[in-house]
Amino acid sequence: MLTSINPKLPTRNKSITRDFYIHKLGFNEFGSADFDGYLMLEKDNIQIHFFEFNELNPKENYGQVYIRTNEINEIFQSFLDKKVIIHPAGHLQIKPWGQKEFSILDPDNNLLTFGESL
């Protein structure tokens, strides 16, 4: 039985990633150890892990995570309030597949799409 999934995304700088996810997106750091080259963050029932990849070219990064929620409007508004930039092609909208979605890019161009079933 599968019980959870914790995606691992690249980051060029743990401090910048930590700051963005904690102060802009409301995540918390998971665990009490500061692992060399590795970062674990959590919010509600999800975790996202990051591995340092100093040579990452953000223009060539295709890291993506789809995050399901039951509070899409509230999350979208909280990101706007914190001046999180919404992806130009990912504004809040209802998709043909029955999801209400929006997307953002983190500092390393990892795409985070948030979706709620209608």
PDB file of N, CA and C in Angstrom:
ATOM      1  N   MET A   1       0.847  -1.183   0.000  1.00  0.00           N
ATOM      2  CA  MET A   1       0.000   0.000   0.000  1.00  0.00           C
ATOM      3  C   MET A   1       0.890   1.243   0.000  1.00  0.00           C
ATOM      4  N   LEU A   2       0.613   2.178  -0.884  1.00  0.00           N
ATOM      5  CA  LEU A   2       1.320   3.450  -0.904  1.00  0.00           C
ATOM      6  C   LEU A   2       0.666   4.383   0.095  1.00  0.00           C
ATOM      7  N   THR A   3       1.467   5.138   0.836  1.00  0.00           N
ATOM      8  CA  THR A   3       0.885   5.989   1.876  1.00  0.00           C
ATOM      9  C   THR A   3       1.141   7.477   1.687  1.00  0.00           C
ATOM     10  N   SER A   4       2.189   7.849   0.969  1.00  0.00           N
ATOM     11  CA  SER A   4       2.428   9.270   0.717  1.00  0.00           C
ATOM     12  C   SER A   4       3.505   9.402  -0.348  1.00  0.00           C
ATOM     13  N   ILE A   5       3.676  10.626  -0.818  1.00  0.00           N
ATOM     14  CA  ILE A   5       4.735  10.927  -1.772  1.00  0.00           C
ATOM     15  C   ILE A   5       5.371  12.246  -1.365  1.00  0.00           C
ATOM     16  N   ASN A   6       6.693  12.283  -1.416  1.00  0.00           N
ATOM     17  CA  ASN A   6       7.446  13.485  -1.067  1.00  0.00           C
ATOM     18  C   ASN A   6       8.359  13.827  -2.236  1.00  0.00           C
ATOM     19  N   PRO A   7       7.909  14.699  -3.126  1.00  0.00           N
ATOM     20  CA  PRO A   7       8.731  15.020  -4.289  1.00  0.00           C
ATOM     21  C   PRO A   7      10.053  15.662  -3.874  1.00  0.00           C
ATOM     22  N   LYS A   8      11.076  15.420  -4.685  1.00  0.00           N
ATOM     23  CA  LYS A   8      12.398  16.006  -4.477  1.00  0.00           C
ATOM     24  C   LYS A   8      12.693  16.915  -5.660  1.00  0.00           C
ATOM     25  N   LEU A   9      12.903  18.189  -5.367  1.00  0.00           N
ATOM     26  CA  LEU A   9      13.132  19.189  -6.402  1.00  0.00           C
ATOM     27  C   LEU A   9      14.529  19.786  -6.249  1.00  0.00           C
ATOM     28  N   PRO A  10      15.112  20.258  -7.343  1.00  0.00           N
ATOM     29  CA  PRO A  10      16.439  20.877  -7.264  1.00  0.00           C
ATOM     30  C   PRO A  10      16.364  22.304  -6.731  1.00  0.00           C
ATOM     31  N   THR A  11      17.420  22.706  -6.043  1.00  0.00           N
ATOM     32  CA  THR A  11      17.573  24.078  -5.582  1.00  0.00           C
ATOM     33  C   THR A  11      19.031  24.482  -5.728  1.00  0.00           C
ATOM     34  N   ARG A  12      19.241  25.719  -6.115  1.00  0.00           N
ATOM     35  CA  ARG A  12      20.613  26.226  -6.199  1.00  0.00           C
ATOM     36  C   ARG A  12      21.103  26.720  -4.857  1.00  0.00           C
ATOM     37  N   ASN A  13      20.168  27.105  -3.974  1.00  0.00           N
ATOM     38  CA  ASN A  13      20.552  27.716  -2.710  1.00  0.00           C
ATOM     39  C   ASN A  13      19.497  27.400  -1.657  1.00  0.00           C
ATOM     40  N   LYS A  14      19.872  26.596  -0.676  1.00  0.00           N
ATOM     41  CA  LYS A  14      18.924  26.193   0.365  1.00  0.00           C
ATOM     42  C   LYS A  14      18.335  27.387   1.114  1.00  0.00           C
ATOM     43  N   SER A  15      19.129  28.386   1.400  1.00  0.00           N
ATOM     44  CA  SER A  15      18.646  29.536   2.174  1.00  0.00           C
ATOM     45  C   SER A  15      17.560  30.300   1.426  1.00  0.00           C
ATOM     46  N   ILE A  16      17.771  30.513   0.136  1.00  0.00           N
ATOM     47  CA  ILE A  16      16.779  31.226  -0.668  1.00  0.00           C
ATOM     48  C   ILE A  16      15.497  30.400  -0.769  1.00  0.00           C
ATOM     49  N   THR A  17      15.647  29.098  -1.014  1.00  0.00           N
ATOM     50  CA  THR A  17      14.481  28.218  -1.102  1.00  0.00           C
ATOM     51  C   THR A  17      13.739  28.179   0.222  1.00  0.00           C
ATOM     52  N   ARG A  18      14.458  27.999   1.315  1.00  0.00           N
ATOM     53  CA  ARG A  18      13.842  27.966   2.652  1.00  0.00           C
ATOM     54  C   ARG A  18      13.051  29.253   2.903  1.00  0.00           C
ATOM     55  N   ASP A  19      13.666  30.386   2.626  1.00  0.00           N
ATOM     56  CA  ASP A  19      13.017  31.677   2.859  1.00  0.00           C
ATOM     57  C   ASP A  19      11.742  31.818   2.034  1.00  0.00           C
ATOM     58  N   PHE A  20      11.794  31.463   0.753  1.00  0.00           N
ATOM     59  CA  PHE A  20      10.630  31.580  -0.124  1.00  0.00           C
ATOM     60  C   PHE A  20       9.479  30.704   0.368  1.00  0.00           C
ATOM     61  N   TYR A  21       9.752  29.442   0.622  1.00  0.00           N
ATOM     62  CA  TYR A  21       8.697  28.513   1.014  1.00  0.00           C
ATOM     63  C   TYR A  21       8.139  28.828   2.402  1.00  0.00           C
ATOM     64  N   ILE A  22       8.977  29.265   3.324  1.00  0.00           N
ATOM     65  CA  ILE A  22       8.498  29.559   4.678  1.00  0.00           C
ATOM     66  C   ILE A  22       7.772  30.903   4.723  1.00  0.00           C
ATOM     67  N   HIS A  23       8.392  31.952   4.195  1.00  0.00           N
ATOM     68  CA  HIS A  23       7.810  33.291   4.342  1.00  0.00           C
ATOM     69  C   HIS A  23       6.762  33.644   3.293  1.00  0.00           C
ATOM     70  N   LYS A  24       6.848  33.080   2.116  1.00  0.00           N
ATOM     71  CA  LYS A  24       5.874  33.384   1.069  1.00  0.00           C
ATOM     72  C   LYS A  24       4.748  32.355   0.994  1.00  0.00           C
ATOM     73  N   LEU A  25       5.086  31.061   1.178  1.00  0.00           N
ATOM     74  CA  LEU A  25       4.087  30.010   0.971  1.00  0.00           C
ATOM     75  C   LEU A  25       3.577  29.388   2.263  1.00  0.00           C
ATOM     76  N   GLY A  26       4.168  29.734   3.405  1.00  0.00           N
ATOM     77  CA  GLY A  26       3.665  29.251   4.686  1.00  0.00           C
ATOM     78  C   GLY A  26       4.098  27.852   5.084  1.00  0.00           C
ATOM     79  N   PHE A  27       5.183  27.345   4.511  1.00  0.00           N
ATOM     80  CA  PHE A  27       5.722  26.039   4.890  1.00  0.00           C
ATOM     81  C   PHE A  27       6.527  26.165   6.172  1.00  0.00           C
ATOM     82  N   ASN A  28       6.843  25.030   6.780  1.00  0.00           N
ATOM     83  CA  ASN A  28       7.732  24.939   7.926  1.00  0.00           C
ATOM     84  C   ASN A  28       8.836  23.965   7.594  1.00  0.00           C
ATOM     85  N   GLU A  29       9.983  24.141   8.243  1.00  0.00           N
ATOM     86  CA  GLU A  29      11.060  23.185   8.049  1.00  0.00           C
ATOM     87  C   GLU A  29      10.723  21.904   8.793  1.00  0.00           C
ATOM     88  N   PHE A  30      10.976  20.772   8.154  1.00  0.00           N
ATOM     89  CA  PHE A  30      10.686  19.468   8.737  1.00  0.00           C
ATOM     90  C   PHE A  30      11.973  18.903   9.328  1.00  0.00           C
ATOM     91  N   GLY A  31      11.883  18.392  10.533  1.00  0.00           N
ATOM     92  CA  GLY A  31      13.049  17.807  11.182  1.00  0.00           C
ATOM     93  C   GLY A  31      13.865  18.856  11.907  1.00  0.00           C
ATOM     94  N   SER A  32      14.815  18.384  12.682  1.00  0.00           N
ATOM     95  CA  SER A  32      15.600  19.299  13.506  1.00  0.00           C
ATOM     96  C   SER A  32      17.049  19.416  13.044  1.00  0.00           C
ATOM     97  N   ALA A  33      17.450  18.640  12.055  1.00  0.00           N
ATOM     98  CA  ALA A  33      18.833  18.677  11.590  1.00  0.00           C
ATOM     99  C   ALA A  33      18.948  19.480  10.302  1.00  0.00           C
ATOM    100  N   ASP A  34      20.042  20.206  10.181  1.00  0.00           N
ATOM    101  CA  ASP A  34      20.328  20.937   8.953  1.00  0.00           C
ATOM    102  C   ASP A  34      21.254  20.050   8.123  1.00  0.00           C
ATOM    103  N   PHE A  35      20.667  19.291   7.211  1.00  0.00           N
ATOM    104  CA  PHE A  35      21.430  18.345   6.412  1.00  0.00           C
ATOM    105  C   PHE A  35      22.188  19.073   5.310  1.00  0.00           C
ATOM    106  N   ASP A  36      23.424  18.686   5.126  1.00  0.00           N
ATOM    107  CA  ASP A  36      24.252  19.283   4.091  1.00  0.00           C
ATOM    108  C   ASP A  36      23.662  18.981   2.713  1.00  0.00           C
ATOM    109  N   GLY A  37      23.300  20.014   1.986  1.00  0.00           N
ATOM    110  CA  GLY A  37      22.815  19.842   0.624  1.00  0.00           C
ATOM    111  C   GLY A  37      21.397  19.319   0.499  1.00  0.00           C
ATOM    112  N   TYR A  38      20.648  19.305   1.593  1.00  0.00           N
ATOM    113  CA  TYR A  38      19.287  18.745   1.554  1.00  0.00           C
ATOM    114  C   TYR A  38      18.386  19.550   2.472  1.00  0.00           C
ATOM    115  N   LEU A  39      17.141  19.757   2.029  1.00  0.00           N
ATOM    116  CA  LEU A  39      16.168  20.549   2.779  1.00  0.00           C
ATOM    117  C   LEU A  39      14.820  19.860   2.702  1.00  0.00           C
ATOM    118  N   MET A  40      14.128  19.770   3.838  1.00  0.00           N
ATOM    119  CA  MET A  40      12.790  19.175   3.884  1.00  0.00           C
ATOM    120  C   MET A  40      11.827  20.205   4.462  1.00  0.00           C
ATOM    121  N   LEU A  41      10.750  20.464   3.728  1.00  0.00           N
ATOM    122  CA  LEU A  41       9.744  21.430   4.160  1.00  0.00           C
ATOM    123  C   LEU A  41       8.383  20.766   4.155  1.00  0.00           C
ATOM    124  N   GLU A  42       7.491  21.260   5.024  1.00  0.00           N
ATOM    125  CA  GLU A  42       6.155  20.687   5.100  1.00  0.00           C
ATOM    126  C   GLU A  42       5.117  21.776   5.335  1.00  0.00           C
ATOM    127  N   LYS A  43       3.917  21.465   4.898  1.00  0.00           N
ATOM    128  CA  LYS A  43       2.755  22.314   5.162  1.00  0.00           C
ATOM    129  C   LYS A  43       1.548  21.394   5.165  1.00  0.00           C
ATOM    130  N   ASP A  44       0.747  21.496   6.201  1.00  0.00           N
ATOM    131  CA  ASP A  44      -0.415  20.632   6.358  1.00  0.00           C
ATOM    132  C   ASP A  44       0.021  19.176   6.222  1.00  0.00           C
ATOM    133  N   ASN A  45      -0.485  18.455   5.233  1.00  0.00           N
ATOM    134  CA  ASN A  45      -0.182  17.032   5.093  1.00  0.00           C
ATOM    135  C   ASN A  45       0.812  16.708   3.984  1.00  0.00           C
ATOM    136  N   ILE A  46       1.542  17.704   3.497  1.00  0.00           N
ATOM    137  CA  ILE A  46       2.498  17.418   2.423  1.00  0.00           C
ATOM    138  C   ILE A  46       3.912  17.824   2.829  1.00  0.00           C
ATOM    139  N   GLN A  47       4.868  17.170   2.209  1.00  0.00           N
ATOM    140  CA  GLN A  47       6.275  17.534   2.331  1.00  0.00           C
ATOM    141  C   GLN A  47       6.840  17.691   0.933  1.00  0.00           C
ATOM    142  N   ILE A  48       7.756  18.641   0.799  1.00  0.00           N
ATOM    143  CA  ILE A  48       8.552  18.766  -0.413  1.00  0.00           C
ATOM    144  C   ILE A  48      10.008  18.770   0.038  1.00  0.00           C
ATOM    145  N   HIS A  49      10.815  17.947  -0.610  1.00  0.00           N
ATOM    146  CA  HIS A  49      12.233  17.872  -0.300  1.00  0.00           C
ATOM    147  C   HIS A  49      13.015  18.545  -1.425  1.00  0.00           C
ATOM    148  N   PHE A  50      14.171  19.087  -1.062  1.00  0.00           N
ATOM    149  CA  PHE A  50      15.027  19.779  -2.032  1.00  0.00           C
ATOM    150  C   PHE A  50      16.451  19.274  -1.919  1.00  0.00           C
ATOM    151  N   PHE A  51      17.083  19.071  -3.051  1.00  0.00           N
ATOM    152  CA  PHE A  51      18.498  18.710  -3.081  1.00  0.00           C
ATOM    153  C   PHE A  51      19.260  19.829  -3.771  1.00  0.00           C
ATOM    154  N   GLU A  52      20.423  20.169  -3.216  1.00  0.00           N
ATOM    155  CA  GLU A  52      21.216  21.240  -3.812  1.00  0.00           C
ATOM    156  C   GLU A  52      21.814  20.802  -5.138  1.00  0.00           C
ATOM    157  N   PHE A  53      21.647  21.662  -6.118  1.00  0.00           N
ATOM    158  CA  PHE A  53      22.173  21.449  -7.458  1.00  0.00           C
ATOM    159  C   PHE A  53      22.699  22.812  -7.909  1.00  0.00           C
ATOM    160  N   ASN A  54      23.921  23.123  -7.494  1.00  0.00           N
ATOM    161  CA  ASN A  54      24.487  24.453  -7.702  1.00  0.00           C
ATOM    162  C   ASN A  54      24.596  24.846  -9.164  1.00  0.00           C
ATOM    163  N   GLU A  55      24.760  23.869 -10.046  1.00  0.00           N
ATOM    164  CA  GLU A  55      24.924  24.157 -11.472  1.00  0.00           C
ATOM    165  C   GLU A  55      23.588  24.241 -12.215  1.00  0.00           C
ATOM    166  N   LEU A  56      22.498  24.151 -11.505  1.00  0.00           N
ATOM    167  CA  LEU A  56      21.182  24.183 -12.140  1.00  0.00           C
ATOM    168  C   LEU A  56      20.991  25.473 -12.932  1.00  0.00           C
ATOM    169  N   ASN A  57      20.559  25.321 -14.156  1.00  0.00           N
ATOM    170  CA  ASN A  57      20.178  26.468 -14.970  1.00  0.00           C
ATOM    171  C   ASN A  57      18.650  26.568 -14.879  1.00  0.00           C
ATOM    172  N   PRO A  58      18.116  27.573 -14.179  1.00  0.00           N
ATOM    173  CA  PRO A  58      16.664  27.662 -13.996  1.00  0.00           C
ATOM    174  C   PRO A  58      15.878  27.645 -15.306  1.00  0.00           C
ATOM    175  N   LYS A  59      16.479  28.146 -16.381  1.00  0.00           N
ATOM    176  CA  LYS A  59      15.789  28.151 -17.670  1.00  0.00           C
ATOM    177  C   LYS A  59      15.658  26.746 -18.249  1.00  0.00           C
ATOM    178  N   GLU A  60      16.399  25.796 -17.693  1.00  0.00           N
ATOM    179  CA  GLU A  60      16.338  24.413 -18.161  1.00  0.00           C
ATOM    180  C   GLU A  60      15.777  23.478 -17.096  1.00  0.00           C
ATOM    181  N   ASN A  61      15.156  24.035 -16.071  1.00  0.00           N
ATOM    182  CA  ASN A  61      14.600  23.224 -14.987  1.00  0.00           C
ATOM    183  C   ASN A  61      13.140  22.897 -15.294  1.00  0.00           C
ATOM    184  N   TYR A  62      12.818  21.620 -15.278  1.00  0.00           N
ATOM    185  CA  TYR A  62      11.457  21.184 -15.561  1.00  0.00           C
ATOM    186  C   TYR A  62      10.811  20.530 -14.348  1.00  0.00           C
ATOM    187  N   GLY A  63      11.332  20.820 -13.136  1.00  0.00           N
ATOM    188  CA  GLY A  63      10.743  20.281 -11.914  1.00  0.00           C
ATOM    189  C   GLY A  63       9.310  20.777 -11.760  1.00  0.00           C
ATOM    190  N   GLN A  64       8.397  19.852 -11.460  1.00  0.00           N
ATOM    191  CA  GLN A  64       6.987  20.208 -11.309  1.00  0.00           C
ATOM    192  C   GLN A  64       6.340  19.375 -10.212  1.00  0.00           C
ATOM    193  N   VAL A  65       5.423  20.005  -9.496  1.00  0.00           N
ATOM    194  CA  VAL A  65       4.639  19.302  -8.479  1.00  0.00           C
ATOM    195  C   VAL A  65       3.193  19.781  -8.601  1.00  0.00           C
ATOM    196  N   TYR A  66       2.257  18.840  -8.545  1.00  0.00           N
ATOM    197  CA  TYR A  66       0.831  19.170  -8.522  1.00  0.00           C
ATOM    198  C   TYR A  66       0.357  18.946  -7.095  1.00  0.00           C
ATOM    199  N   ILE A  67      -0.173  19.993  -6.468  1.00  0.00           N
ATOM    200  CA  ILE A  67      -0.596  19.944  -5.074  1.00  0.00           C
ATOM    201  C   ILE A  67      -2.107  20.100  -5.009  1.00  0.00           C
ATOM    202  N   ARG A  68      -2.763  19.088  -4.501  1.00  0.00           N
ATOM    203  CA  ARG A  68      -4.223  19.144  -4.352  1.00  0.00           C
ATOM    204  C   ARG A  68      -4.580  19.836  -3.040  1.00  0.00           C
ATOM    205  N   THR A  69      -5.669  20.598  -3.089  1.00  0.00           N
ATOM    206  CA  THR A  69      -6.134  21.331  -1.918  1.00  0.00           C
ATOM    207  C   THR A  69      -7.651  21.346  -1.893  1.00  0.00           C
ATOM    208  N   ASN A  70      -8.217  21.682  -0.758  1.00  0.00           N
ATOM    209  CA  ASN A  70      -9.651  21.909  -0.666  1.00  0.00           C
ATOM    210  C   ASN A  70      -9.939  23.366  -0.292  1.00  0.00           C
ATOM    211  N   GLU A  71      -8.912  24.228  -0.472  1.00  0.00           N
ATOM    212  CA  GLU A  71      -9.043  25.653  -0.150  1.00  0.00           C
ATOM    213  C   GLU A  71      -8.356  26.506  -1.217  1.00  0.00           C
ATOM    214  N   ILE A  72      -8.629  26.241  -2.477  1.00  0.00           N
ATOM    215  CA  ILE A  72      -7.912  26.893  -3.575  1.00  0.00           C
ATOM    216  C   ILE A  72      -8.043  28.417  -3.532  1.00  0.00           C
ATOM    217  N   ASN A  73      -9.249  28.927  -3.280  1.00  0.00           N
ATOM    218  CA  ASN A  73      -9.449  30.381  -3.268  1.00  0.00           C
ATOM    219  C   ASN A  73      -8.660  31.044  -2.144  1.00  0.00           C
ATOM    220  N   GLU A  74      -8.656  30.420  -0.985  1.00  0.00           N
ATOM    221  CA  GLU A  74      -7.942  30.984   0.165  1.00  0.00           C
ATOM    222  C   GLU A  74      -6.436  30.976  -0.060  1.00  0.00           C
ATOM    223  N   ILE A  75      -5.920  29.879  -0.606  1.00  0.00           N
ATOM    224  CA  ILE A  75      -4.487  29.794  -0.869  1.00  0.00           C
ATOM    225  C   ILE A  75      -4.085  30.817  -1.926  1.00  0.00           C
ATOM    226  N   PHE A  76      -4.866  30.906  -2.986  1.00  0.00           N
ATOM    227  CA  PHE A  76      -4.585  31.876  -4.049  1.00  0.00           C
ATOM    228  C   PHE A  76      -4.545  33.291  -3.473  1.00  0.00           C
ATOM    229  N   GLN A  77      -5.536  33.646  -2.659  1.00  0.00           N
ATOM    230  CA  GLN A  77      -5.576  34.990  -2.085  1.00  0.00           C
ATOM    231  C   GLN A  77      -4.416  35.235  -1.127  1.00  0.00           C
ATOM    232  N   SER A  78      -4.050  34.219  -0.336  1.00  0.00           N
ATOM    233  CA  SER A  78      -2.925  34.404   0.592  1.00  0.00           C
ATOM    234  C   SER A  78      -1.622  34.629  -0.169  1.00  0.00           C
ATOM    235  N   PHE A  79      -1.452  33.958  -1.314  1.00  0.00           N
ATOM    236  CA  PHE A  79      -0.263  34.182  -2.122  1.00  0.00           C
ATOM    237  C   PHE A  79      -0.266  35.587  -2.718  1.00  0.00           C
ATOM    238  N   LEU A  80      -1.423  36.034  -3.178  1.00  0.00           N
ATOM    239  CA  LEU A  80      -1.512  37.410  -3.689  1.00  0.00           C
ATOM    240  C   LEU A  80      -1.179  38.413  -2.591  1.00  0.00           C
ATOM    241  N   ASP A  81      -1.691  38.174  -1.389  1.00  0.00           N
ATOM    242  CA  ASP A  81      -1.427  39.070  -0.256  1.00  0.00           C
ATOM    243  C   ASP A  81       0.064  39.142   0.073  1.00  0.00           C
ATOM    244  N   LYS A  82       0.776  38.026  -0.136  1.00  0.00           N
ATOM    245  CA  LYS A  82       2.214  37.972   0.152  1.00  0.00           C
ATOM    246  C   LYS A  82       3.049  38.308  -1.079  1.00  0.00           C
ATOM    247  N   LYS A  83       2.374  38.782  -2.127  1.00  0.00           N
ATOM    248  CA  LYS A  83       3.019  39.213  -3.371  1.00  0.00           C
ATOM    249  C   LYS A  83       3.804  38.088  -4.060  1.00  0.00           C
ATOM    250  N   VAL A  84       3.275  36.868  -3.967  1.00  0.00           N
ATOM    251  CA  VAL A  84       3.833  35.746  -4.720  1.00  0.00           C
ATOM    252  C   VAL A  84       3.411  35.938  -6.172  1.00  0.00           C
ATOM    253  N   ILE A  85       4.351  35.826  -7.077  1.00  0.00           N
ATOM    254  CA  ILE A  85       4.054  36.017  -8.498  1.00  0.00           C
ATOM    255  C   ILE A  85       3.365  34.766  -9.045  1.00  0.00           C
ATOM    256  N   ILE A  86       2.193  34.967  -9.617  1.00  0.00           N
ATOM    257  CA  ILE A  86       1.446  33.880 -10.247  1.00  0.00           C
ATOM    258  C   ILE A  86       2.015  33.676 -11.653  1.00  0.00           C
ATOM    259  N   HIS A  87       2.179  32.424 -12.040  1.00  0.00           N
ATOM    260  CA  HIS A  87       2.730  32.109 -13.360  1.00  0.00           C
ATOM    261  C   HIS A  87       1.872  32.788 -14.431  1.00  0.00           C
ATOM    262  N   PRO A  88       2.492  33.418 -15.438  1.00  0.00           N
ATOM    263  CA  PRO A  88       1.721  34.130 -16.469  1.00  0.00           C
ATOM    264  C   PRO A  88       0.685  33.254 -17.169  1.00  0.00           C
ATOM    265  N   ALA A  89       0.955  31.972 -17.318  1.00  0.00           N
ATOM    266  CA  ALA A  89      -0.006  31.074 -17.972  1.00  0.00           C
ATOM    267  C   ALA A  89      -0.779  30.249 -16.948  1.00  0.00           C
ATOM    268  N   GLY A  90      -0.670  30.608 -15.672  1.00  0.00           N
ATOM    269  CA  GLY A  90      -1.274  29.780 -14.640  1.00  0.00           C
ATOM    270  C   GLY A  90      -2.170  30.513 -13.674  1.00  0.00           C
ATOM    271  N   HIS A  91      -2.891  31.516 -14.149  1.00  0.00           N
ATOM    272  CA  HIS A  91      -3.813  32.225 -13.260  1.00  0.00           C
ATOM    273  C   HIS A  91      -4.972  31.313 -12.846  1.00  0.00           C
ATOM    274  N   LEU A  92      -5.601  31.637 -11.758  1.00  0.00           N
ATOM    275  CA  LEU A  92      -6.697  30.842 -11.215  1.00  0.00           C
ATOM    276  C   LEU A  92      -7.801  30.704 -12.257  1.00  0.00           C
ATOM    277  N   GLN A  93      -8.084  29.446 -12.608  1.00  0.00           N
ATOM    278  CA  GLN A  93      -9.113  29.189 -13.614  1.00  0.00           C
ATOM    279  C   GLN A  93      -9.630  27.763 -13.489  1.00  0.00           C
ATOM    280  N   ILE A  94     -10.802  27.548 -14.053  1.00  0.00           N
ATOM    281  CA  ILE A  94     -11.388  26.208 -14.087  1.00  0.00           C
ATOM    282  C   ILE A  94     -10.924  25.527 -15.364  1.00  0.00           C
ATOM    283  N   LYS A  95     -10.367  24.335 -15.202  1.00  0.00           N
ATOM    284  CA  LYS A  95      -9.818  23.578 -16.323  1.00  0.00           C
ATOM    285  C   LYS A  95     -10.859  22.596 -16.850  1.00  0.00           C
ATOM    286  N   PRO A  96     -10.743  22.183 -18.112  1.00  0.00           N
ATOM    287  CA  PRO A  96     -11.709  21.247 -18.704  1.00  0.00           C
ATOM    288  C   PRO A  96     -11.775  19.908 -17.979  1.00  0.00           C
ATOM    289  N   TRP A  97     -10.738  19.555 -17.237  1.00  0.00           N
ATOM    290  CA  TRP A  97     -10.712  18.263 -16.537  1.00  0.00           C
ATOM    291  C   TRP A  97     -11.312  18.343 -15.138  1.00  0.00           C
ATOM    292  N   GLY A  98     -12.031  19.450 -14.841  1.00  0.00           N
ATOM    293  CA  GLY A  98     -12.787  19.547 -13.600  1.00  0.00           C
ATOM    294  C   GLY A  98     -11.988  19.977 -12.387  1.00  0.00           C
ATOM    295  N   GLN A  99     -10.900  20.681 -12.610  1.00  0.00           N
ATOM    296  CA  GLN A  99     -10.094  21.210 -11.519  1.00  0.00           C
ATOM    297  C   GLN A  99     -10.069  22.730 -11.607  1.00  0.00           C
ATOM    298  N   LYS A 100     -10.063  23.381 -10.458  1.00  0.00           N
ATOM    299  CA  LYS A 100      -9.796  24.808 -10.382  1.00  0.00           C
ATOM    300  C   LYS A 100      -8.332  24.924  -9.979  1.00  0.00           C
ATOM    301  N   GLU A 101      -7.524  25.597 -10.798  1.00  0.00           N
ATOM    302  CA  GLU A 101      -6.077  25.564 -10.638  1.00  0.00           C
ATOM    303  C   GLU A 101      -5.430  26.933 -10.789  1.00  0.00           C
ATOM    304  N   PHE A 102      -4.225  27.031 -10.215  1.00  0.00           N
ATOM    305  CA  PHE A 102      -3.296  28.111 -10.521  1.00  0.00           C
ATOM    306  C   PHE A 102      -1.888  27.596 -10.301  1.00  0.00           C
ATOM    307  N   SER A 103      -0.897  28.314 -10.852  1.00  0.00           N
ATOM    308  CA  SER A 103       0.493  27.869 -10.772  1.00  0.00           C
ATOM    309  C   SER A 103       1.413  29.021 -10.417  1.00  0.00           C
ATOM    310  N   ILE A 104       2.518  28.660  -9.765  1.00  0.00           N
ATOM    311  CA  ILE A 104       3.583  29.611  -9.457  1.00  0.00           C
ATOM    312  C   ILE A 104       4.921  28.940  -9.777  1.00  0.00           C
ATOM    313  N   LEU A 105       5.958  29.748  -9.868  1.00  0.00           N
ATOM    314  CA  LEU A 105       7.323  29.252  -9.997  1.00  0.00           C
ATOM    315  C   LEU A 105       8.095  29.637  -8.749  1.00  0.00           C
ATOM    316  N   ASP A 106       8.899  28.705  -8.240  1.00  0.00           N
ATOM    317  CA  ASP A 106       9.745  29.041  -7.098  1.00  0.00           C
ATOM    318  C   ASP A 106      11.029  29.690  -7.619  1.00  0.00           C
ATOM    319  N   PRO A 107      11.960  30.080  -6.745  1.00  0.00           N
ATOM    320  CA  PRO A 107      13.167  30.788  -7.207  1.00  0.00           C
ATOM    321  C   PRO A 107      14.034  30.001  -8.194  1.00  0.00           C
ATOM    322  N   ASP A 108      13.852  28.686  -8.269  1.00  0.00           N
ATOM    323  CA  ASP A 108      14.631  27.876  -9.204  1.00  0.00           C
ATOM    324  C   ASP A 108      13.815  27.416 -10.402  1.00  0.00           C
ATOM    325  N   ASN A 109      12.654  28.001 -10.594  1.00  0.00           N
ATOM    326  CA  ASN A 109      11.732  27.683 -11.686  1.00  0.00           C
ATOM    327  C   ASN A 109      11.090  26.309 -11.571  1.00  0.00           C
ATOM    328  N   ASN A 110      11.003  25.768 -10.357  1.00  0.00           N
ATOM    329  CA  ASN A 110      10.174  24.588 -10.138  1.00  0.00           C
ATOM    330  C   ASN A 110       8.726  25.056 -10.203  1.00  0.00           C
ATOM    331  N   LEU A 111       7.918  24.385 -11.005  1.00  0.00           N
ATOM    332  CA  LEU A 111       6.518  24.763 -11.184  1.00  0.00           C
ATOM    333  C   LEU A 111       5.666  24.080 -10.120  1.00  0.00           C
ATOM    334  N   LEU A 112       4.931  24.878  -9.350  1.00  0.00           N
ATOM    335  CA  LEU A 112       3.988  24.358  -8.363  1.00  0.00           C
ATOM    336  C   LEU A 112       2.593  24.692  -8.846  1.00  0.00           C
ATOM    337  N   THR A 113       1.797  23.671  -9.121  1.00  0.00           N
ATOM    338  CA  THR A 113       0.419  23.877  -9.528  1.00  0.00           C
ATOM    339  C   THR A 113      -0.466  23.421  -8.391  1.00  0.00           C
ATOM    340  N   PHE A 114      -1.395  24.279  -7.994  1.00  0.00           N
ATOM    341  CA  PHE A 114      -2.353  23.992  -6.941  1.00  0.00           C
ATOM    342  C   PHE A 114      -3.704  23.747  -7.574  1.00  0.00           C
ATOM    343  N   GLY A 115      -4.387  22.690  -7.177  1.00  0.00           N
ATOM    344  CA  GLY A 115      -5.664  22.356  -7.788  1.00  0.00           C
ATOM    345  C   GLY A 115      -6.671  21.836  -6.793  1.00  0.00           C
ATOM    346  N   GLU A 116      -7.927  22.180  -7.055  1.00  0.00           N
ATOM    347  CA  GLU A 116      -9.059  21.697  -6.250  1.00  0.00           C
ATOM    348  C   GLU A 116     -10.101  21.102  -7.181  1.00  0.00           C
ATOM    349  N   SER A 117     -10.560  19.899  -6.844  1.00  0.00           N
ATOM    350  CA  SER A 117     -11.624  19.267  -7.625  1.00  0.00           C
ATOM    351  C   SER A 117     -12.920  20.020  -7.446  1.00  0.00           C
ATOM    352  N   LEU A 118     -13.674  20.165  -8.529  1.00  0.00           N
ATOM    353  CA  LEU A 118     -14.965  20.855  -8.456  1.00  0.00           C
ATOM    354  C   LEU A 118     -16.074  19.876  -8.144  1.00  0.00           C
TER     355      LEU A 118
END
